């Protein structure tokens, strides 16, 4: 039986407690939150689980692994404290708020031989896993470009920008879909609700080999969109998480060229073929993520979304932040993972 603690009972914490309490060979032994109202709610929803105000109290209760679901600004401090205590840790995205902090956490985990996993949740989405297999199978042909859209109206954060709250999802998806190395990023953002914290971000990533990716995230949009589009030279594909069933579409559309032609117009022809909608597997991504974390704790294996994965996302987030502060100037990526 793996004894698990959950730190943070705000927006995401209740979902984590629910999922881990439902997983086999797992016991949630403690919930940590500094707010009275959060602990009261936790006690009402989960009788029999220990309620604590601090990390040390949770450690005194005895835990094998801890899930950190606190504001991103606290991830490094809490993660380092747990790793120093010899605890396996799952930290919700992002791993930290700088590459340097992420590297230090990875080094601590290595020195202590502890599991350190990052909550890049969508990499455990069964339909997105299938989408990744399609993209990497070569069915789309040579990859040209891809873009992600994650926008909605509301749930504005007060401590972090849309870049650090929303974009980690999409950057992790982009890194998941392609192994190409990012070379240059540029970003633009607008702060319309809270000065100094961007509500909307547009960022472009140029990869080795010429692949381009664009990320659009916003809290200030009339539509709720969660979509990934990938364009290749043979086919195109779309993953739409807002679709209840038909989440994946493979579109046989593109431009064909001929070697011998009489006029420029004859050199290129538009190809419009069928749209294929493969049946997408279903299941709650958070349950898959939690089960994977427990497997890694039990078997002492490296998580799919390990510290290296978290650092690769931080490299792009940090570079985009620098570009935004520099008026959109291109920033070169220096890989650390």
Protein backbone atom coordinates (compact mmCIF):
# COMPACT_ATOMS: atom_id res chain seq x y z
CA UNK A 1 0.00 0.00 0.00
CA UNK A 2 1.45 3.35 -1.07
CA UNK A 3 0.70 6.18 1.36
CA UNK A 4 0.05 9.40 -0.56
CA UNK A 5 -0.29 13.00 0.57
CA UNK A 6 -1.86 15.83 -1.43
CA UNK A 7 -0.57 19.37 -0.92
CA UNK A 8 -3.04 21.99 -2.08
CA UNK A 9 -6.84 21.67 -1.97
CA UNK A 10 -7.78 24.50 -4.30
CA UNK A 11 -8.97 24.19 -7.89
CA UNK A 12 -7.21 20.93 -8.81
CA UNK A 13 -6.60 19.35 -5.40
CA UNK A 14 -10.11 17.89 -4.95
CA UNK A 15 -9.79 16.05 -8.27
CA UNK A 16 -6.43 14.64 -7.26
CA UNK A 17 -7.73 13.39 -3.90
CA UNK A 18 -10.74 11.78 -5.59
CA UNK A 19 -8.59 10.01 -8.18
CA UNK A 20 -5.90 8.76 -5.82
CA UNK A 21 -8.47 7.52 -3.30
CA UNK A 22 -9.96 5.43 -6.09
CA UNK A 23 -6.71 3.84 -7.27
CA UNK A 24 -5.79 0.32 -6.07
CA UNK A 25 -3.03 -0.19 -3.49
CA UNK A 26 -3.10 3.50 -2.59
CA UNK A 27 -4.16 5.29 0.57
CA UNK A 28 -4.49 9.07 0.77
CA UNK A 29 -3.30 9.69 4.31
CA UNK A 30 -3.14 13.47 4.38
CA UNK A 31 -4.26 16.72 2.75
CA UNK A 32 -2.30 19.93 3.30
CA UNK A 33 -3.62 23.47 2.89
CA UNK A 34 -2.98 26.64 4.86
CA UNK A 35 -6.54 27.95 4.41
CA UNK A 36 -9.25 27.14 6.95
CA UNK A 37 -12.02 27.00 4.35
CA UNK A 38 -10.05 24.54 2.21
CA UNK A 39 -9.41 22.17 5.13
CA UNK A 40 -13.07 22.39 6.16
CA UNK A 41 -14.14 21.44 2.64
CA UNK A 42 -11.60 18.63 2.52
CA UNK A 43 -12.82 17.24 5.84
CA UNK A 44 -16.42 17.29 4.65
CA UNK A 45 -15.61 15.55 1.38
CA UNK A 46 -13.05 13.05 2.69
CA UNK A 47 -13.68 11.90 6.23
CA UNK A 48 -10.93 9.82 7.73
CA UNK A 49 -8.10 11.59 5.84
CA UNK A 50 -5.62 13.61 7.90
CA UNK A 51 -5.83 17.37 7.54
CA UNK A 52 -2.66 19.43 7.97
CA UNK A 53 -1.58 23.04 7.64
CA UNK A 54 2.06 22.44 6.78
CA UNK A 55 4.38 20.09 4.90
CA UNK A 56 6.23 19.05 8.06
CA UNK A 57 2.97 17.88 9.66
CA UNK A 58 2.30 15.68 6.64
CA UNK A 59 5.80 14.21 6.76
CA UNK A 60 5.37 13.44 10.46
CA UNK A 61 2.21 11.50 9.60
CA UNK A 62 4.22 9.18 7.36
CA UNK A 63 3.94 9.27 3.55
CA UNK A 64 5.68 7.47 0.70
CA UNK A 65 4.74 9.89 -2.09
CA UNK A 66 3.27 13.38 -2.35
CA UNK A 67 1.39 15.25 -5.06
CA UNK A 68 1.96 19.02 -5.14
CA UNK A 69 -0.98 21.07 -6.46
CA UNK A 70 -0.10 24.52 -5.12
CA UNK A 71 0.58 27.79 -7.00
CA UNK A 72 3.52 27.47 -9.40
CA UNK A 73 5.53 30.01 -7.41
CA UNK A 74 5.75 27.47 -4.55
CA UNK A 75 6.63 24.37 -6.59
CA UNK A 76 10.38 24.63 -6.20
CA UNK A 77 10.39 25.25 -2.44
CA UNK A 78 7.90 22.49 -1.67
CA UNK A 79 9.40 20.02 -4.15
CA UNK A 80 12.91 20.55 -2.77
CA UNK A 81 11.67 20.08 0.81
CA UNK A 82 10.00 16.77 -0.07
CA UNK A 83 12.92 15.42 -2.07
CA UNK A 84 15.34 16.30 0.74
CA UNK A 85 13.07 14.27 3.04
CA UNK A 86 13.36 11.25 0.73
CA UNK A 87 9.81 11.43 -0.66
CA UNK A 88 8.73 10.61 -4.23
CA UNK A 89 7.02 13.63 -5.78
CA UNK A 90 4.50 14.45 -8.49
CA UNK A 91 4.43 18.21 -9.15
CA UNK A 92 1.59 19.70 -11.17
CA UNK A 93 2.68 21.73 -14.20
CA UNK A 94 4.86 23.66 -14.50
CA UNK A 95 7.71 21.93 -12.67
CA UNK A 96 9.00 25.31 -11.45
CA UNK A 97 9.18 28.92 -12.60
CA UNK A 98 12.68 28.79 -14.11
CA UNK A 99 14.96 26.35 -15.87
CA UNK A 100 17.51 26.73 -13.09
CA UNK A 101 14.97 25.70 -10.43
CA UNK A 102 13.91 22.74 -12.57
CA UNK A 103 17.50 21.58 -12.97
CA UNK A 104 18.10 21.82 -9.22
CA UNK A 105 15.00 19.72 -8.51
CA UNK A 106 16.16 17.12 -11.04
CA UNK A 107 19.59 17.00 -9.41
CA UNK A 108 18.04 16.55 -5.96
CA UNK A 109 15.85 13.72 -7.22
CA UNK A 110 18.87 12.02 -8.78
CA UNK A 111 21.00 12.40 -5.67
CA UNK A 112 18.23 11.05 -3.42
CA UNK A 113 17.17 8.38 -5.95
CA UNK A 114 13.62 9.62 -5.76
CA UNK A 115 10.87 9.64 -8.38
CA UNK A 116 10.18 13.16 -9.67
CA UNK A 117 7.27 13.42 -12.09
CA UNK A 118 5.63 16.45 -13.69
CA UNK A 119 1.86 16.67 -14.20
CA UNK A 120 1.82 17.16 -17.97
CA UNK A 121 -1.68 15.77 -17.87
CA UNK A 122 -2.50 15.70 -21.57
CA UNK A 123 0.33 13.30 -22.31
CA UNK A 124 -1.84 10.76 -20.46
CA UNK A 125 -4.99 11.60 -22.44
CA UNK A 126 -5.77 8.32 -24.27
CA UNK A 127 -7.03 10.10 -27.39
CA UNK A 128 -3.97 12.36 -27.52
CA UNK A 129 -1.72 9.31 -27.12
CA UNK A 130 -3.44 7.88 -30.21
CA UNK A 131 -3.04 11.24 -31.98
CA UNK A 132 0.70 11.22 -31.24
CA UNK A 133 1.01 7.72 -32.68
CA UNK A 134 -0.68 8.91 -35.88
CA UNK A 135 1.60 11.96 -36.20
CA UNK A 136 4.75 9.94 -35.56
CA UNK A 137 3.73 7.04 -37.82
CA UNK A 138 4.49 9.06 -40.93
CA UNK A 139 0.87 8.98 -42.14
CA UNK A 140 0.86 12.78 -42.44
CA UNK A 141 4.13 12.77 -44.35
CA UNK A 142 6.84 15.32 -43.69
CA UNK A 143 5.78 17.63 -40.88
CA UNK A 144 5.36 21.25 -42.00
CA UNK A 145 3.89 23.06 -39.03
CA UNK A 146 1.51 22.73 -36.09
CA UNK A 147 -0.44 25.07 -33.89
CA UNK A 148 -2.37 24.88 -30.64
CA UNK A 149 -5.27 26.94 -29.32
CA UNK A 150 -6.28 26.99 -25.66
CA UNK A 151 -8.65 29.87 -25.02
CA UNK A 152 -11.68 30.59 -22.87
CA UNK A 153 -13.40 33.41 -21.03
CA UNK A 154 -12.68 33.47 -17.33
CA UNK A 155 -10.80 31.70 -14.56
CA UNK A 156 -8.22 34.45 -14.55
CA UNK A 157 -5.26 33.79 -12.25
CA UNK A 158 -3.99 36.53 -9.97
CA UNK A 159 -0.45 35.27 -9.39
CA UNK A 160 0.67 34.01 -12.82
CA UNK A 161 0.10 34.89 -16.44
CA UNK A 162 -1.72 32.87 -19.07
CA UNK A 163 1.72 31.80 -20.32
CA UNK A 164 2.61 29.97 -17.11
CA UNK A 165 -0.90 28.69 -16.38
CA UNK A 166 -2.14 27.56 -19.81
CA UNK A 167 0.83 27.27 -22.17
CA UNK A 168 2.61 24.42 -20.29
CA UNK A 169 -0.15 22.12 -21.56
CA UNK A 170 0.39 23.06 -25.19
CA UNK A 171 4.18 23.22 -25.09
CA UNK A 172 4.28 19.75 -23.55
CA UNK A 173 1.95 18.55 -26.35
CA UNK A 174 4.19 20.07 -29.03
CA UNK A 175 7.30 18.46 -27.51
CA UNK A 176 5.34 15.19 -27.24
CA UNK A 177 4.36 15.25 -30.92
CA UNK A 178 7.80 15.94 -32.36
CA UNK A 179 11.39 15.16 -31.41
CA UNK A 180 12.69 18.13 -33.41
CA UNK A 181 14.92 20.45 -31.39
CA UNK A 182 13.59 23.97 -30.79
CA UNK A 183 15.97 26.69 -31.91
CA UNK A 184 14.27 30.10 -31.68
CA UNK A 185 11.12 31.44 -30.03
CA UNK A 186 9.33 34.75 -30.16
CA UNK A 187 6.29 35.86 -28.19
CA UNK A 188 3.80 38.66 -27.83
CA UNK A 189 1.38 39.14 -24.95
CA UNK A 190 -1.30 41.54 -23.82
CA UNK A 191 -2.23 42.54 -20.24
CA UNK A 192 -5.80 43.81 -20.37
CA UNK A 193 -7.23 42.78 -16.99
CA UNK A 194 -4.22 42.88 -14.65
CA UNK A 195 -1.19 45.07 -15.42
CA UNK A 196 1.99 43.04 -15.79
CA UNK A 197 0.28 39.65 -16.11
CA UNK A 198 -0.58 38.71 -19.68
CA UNK A 199 -4.12 37.47 -20.32
CA UNK A 200 -3.38 36.51 -23.93
CA UNK A 201 -0.21 35.11 -25.51
CA UNK A 202 0.85 34.39 -29.09
CA UNK A 203 4.15 32.51 -29.36
CA UNK A 204 6.03 31.00 -32.29
CA UNK A 205 8.63 28.25 -32.00
CA UNK A 206 11.01 27.43 -34.85
CA UNK A 207 12.50 23.94 -34.76
CA UNK A 208 15.57 22.41 -36.32
CA UNK A 209 14.69 21.33 -39.86
CA UNK A 210 12.20 24.15 -40.42
CA UNK A 211 9.14 22.92 -38.52
CA UNK A 212 7.20 25.82 -37.00
CA UNK A 213 4.76 25.71 -34.08
CA UNK A 214 2.43 28.44 -32.86
CA UNK A 215 0.83 28.63 -29.42
CA UNK A 216 -2.23 30.78 -28.67
CA UNK A 217 -3.50 30.90 -25.08
CA UNK A 218 -5.97 33.32 -23.53
CA UNK A 219 -8.36 33.88 -20.63
CA UNK A 220 -10.10 36.62 -22.60
CA UNK A 221 -11.86 34.96 -25.53
CA UNK A 222 -15.52 34.42 -26.44
CA UNK A 223 -14.94 30.75 -27.34
CA UNK A 224 -13.74 27.77 -25.36
CA UNK A 225 -11.25 25.98 -27.61
CA UNK A 226 -8.83 23.13 -26.87
CA UNK A 227 -7.41 22.19 -30.26
CA UNK A 228 -4.17 20.95 -31.87
CA UNK A 229 -3.69 21.09 -35.64
CA UNK A 230 -0.81 19.35 -37.44
CA UNK A 231 -0.05 19.91 -41.13
CA UNK A 232 2.12 17.56 -43.17
CA UNK A 233 2.90 17.29 -46.85
CA UNK A 234 0.56 14.31 -47.31
CA UNK A 235 -2.25 14.84 -44.82
CA UNK A 236 -3.40 17.05 -41.98
CA UNK A 237 -4.75 16.07 -38.56
CA UNK A 238 -6.74 17.79 -35.83
CA UNK A 239 -7.16 16.87 -32.17
CA UNK A 240 -10.14 18.66 -30.64
CA UNK A 241 -10.61 17.98 -26.94
CA UNK A 242 -13.93 19.83 -26.88
CA UNK A 243 -15.49 17.19 -29.13
CA UNK A 244 -17.28 14.61 -26.96
CA UNK A 245 -16.51 11.65 -29.24
CA UNK A 246 -14.92 12.59 -32.58
CA UNK A 247 -11.72 14.01 -31.07
CA UNK A 248 -9.39 13.08 -33.95
CA UNK A 249 -9.79 13.92 -37.63
CA UNK A 250 -7.30 12.98 -40.35
CA UNK A 251 -7.85 15.11 -43.43
CA UNK A 252 -6.56 14.05 -46.83
CA UNK A 253 -6.03 17.54 -48.16
CA UNK A 254 -2.94 19.22 -49.56
CA UNK A 255 -1.02 20.51 -52.57
CA UNK A 256 0.46 18.06 -55.08
CA UNK A 257 3.27 19.11 -57.39
CA UNK A 258 4.42 17.63 -60.70
CA UNK A 259 7.94 17.51 -62.08
CA UNK A 260 7.00 18.25 -65.71
CA UNK A 261 4.48 20.95 -66.55
CA UNK A 262 3.67 23.46 -69.26
CA UNK A 263 2.57 26.35 -67.05
CA UNK A 264 3.03 27.38 -63.45
CA UNK A 265 -0.65 26.74 -62.79
CA UNK A 266 -0.23 23.15 -63.98
CA UNK A 267 2.70 22.59 -61.57
CA UNK A 268 0.50 22.50 -58.48
CA UNK A 269 -2.90 20.96 -57.92
CA UNK A 270 -5.07 21.08 -54.83
CA UNK A 271 -5.92 17.68 -53.45
CA UNK A 272 -9.17 17.26 -51.51
CA UNK A 273 -9.79 13.74 -50.25
CA UNK A 274 -11.65 12.00 -47.47
CA UNK A 275 -11.79 12.88 -43.80
CA UNK A 276 -11.14 9.90 -41.55
CA UNK A 277 -12.40 9.92 -37.96
CA UNK A 278 -10.79 7.02 -36.08
CA UNK A 279 -12.55 5.82 -32.93
CA UNK A 280 -10.81 7.49 -30.01
CA UNK A 281 -10.16 5.63 -26.75
CA UNK A 282 -11.85 7.08 -23.70
CA UNK A 283 -10.85 7.37 -20.06
CA UNK A 284 -10.00 10.05 -17.51
CA UNK A 285 -6.44 11.33 -18.14
CA UNK A 286 -5.95 12.13 -14.46
CA UNK A 287 -6.53 8.48 -13.52
CA UNK A 288 -3.97 7.33 -16.07
CA UNK A 289 -1.50 9.91 -14.79
CA UNK A 290 -2.05 8.93 -11.15
CA UNK A 291 -1.76 5.21 -11.89
CA UNK A 292 1.48 5.82 -13.81
CA UNK A 293 2.94 7.76 -10.89
CA UNK A 294 2.10 4.95 -8.47
CA UNK A 295 3.63 2.39 -10.85
CA UNK A 296 6.85 4.42 -10.94
CA UNK A 297 6.90 4.68 -7.13
CA UNK A 298 6.27 0.96 -6.76
CA UNK A 299 8.65 -0.25 -9.47
CA UNK A 300 11.29 2.51 -9.12
CA UNK A 301 11.05 3.40 -12.81
CA UNK A 302 11.41 6.73 -14.61
CA UNK A 303 8.10 8.51 -15.33
CA UNK A 304 7.04 9.25 -18.88
CA UNK A 305 6.86 12.92 -17.88
CA UNK A 306 9.99 13.05 -15.76
CA UNK A 307 12.07 16.03 -14.65
CA UNK A 308 13.78 16.15 -18.05
CA UNK A 309 10.37 16.54 -19.68
CA UNK A 310 9.54 19.32 -17.25
CA UNK A 311 12.80 21.14 -17.97
CA UNK A 312 12.25 20.93 -21.73
CA UNK A 313 8.93 22.72 -21.25
CA UNK A 314 10.49 25.29 -18.92
CA UNK A 315 13.16 26.09 -21.52
CA UNK A 316 10.49 27.24 -23.95
CA UNK A 317 8.34 29.00 -21.35
CA UNK A 318 11.32 30.94 -20.05
CA UNK A 319 12.44 31.92 -23.56
CA UNK A 320 8.92 33.06 -24.51
CA UNK A 321 8.78 35.15 -21.33
CA UNK A 322 12.10 36.81 -22.23
CA UNK A 323 10.86 37.49 -25.76
CA UNK A 324 7.64 39.08 -24.48
CA UNK A 325 9.61 41.35 -22.14
CA UNK A 326 11.84 42.27 -25.12
CA UNK A 327 8.96 43.33 -27.33
CA UNK A 328 8.81 40.08 -29.27
CA UNK A 329 12.51 39.80 -30.08
CA UNK A 330 13.67 36.30 -31.13
CA UNK A 331 15.33 34.29 -28.35
CA UNK A 332 17.61 31.32 -28.93
CA UNK A 333 16.96 28.14 -26.97
CA UNK A 334 19.76 26.71 -24.84
CA UNK A 335 18.79 23.16 -24.00
CA UNK A 336 19.63 21.94 -20.51
CA UNK A 337 17.76 18.60 -20.57
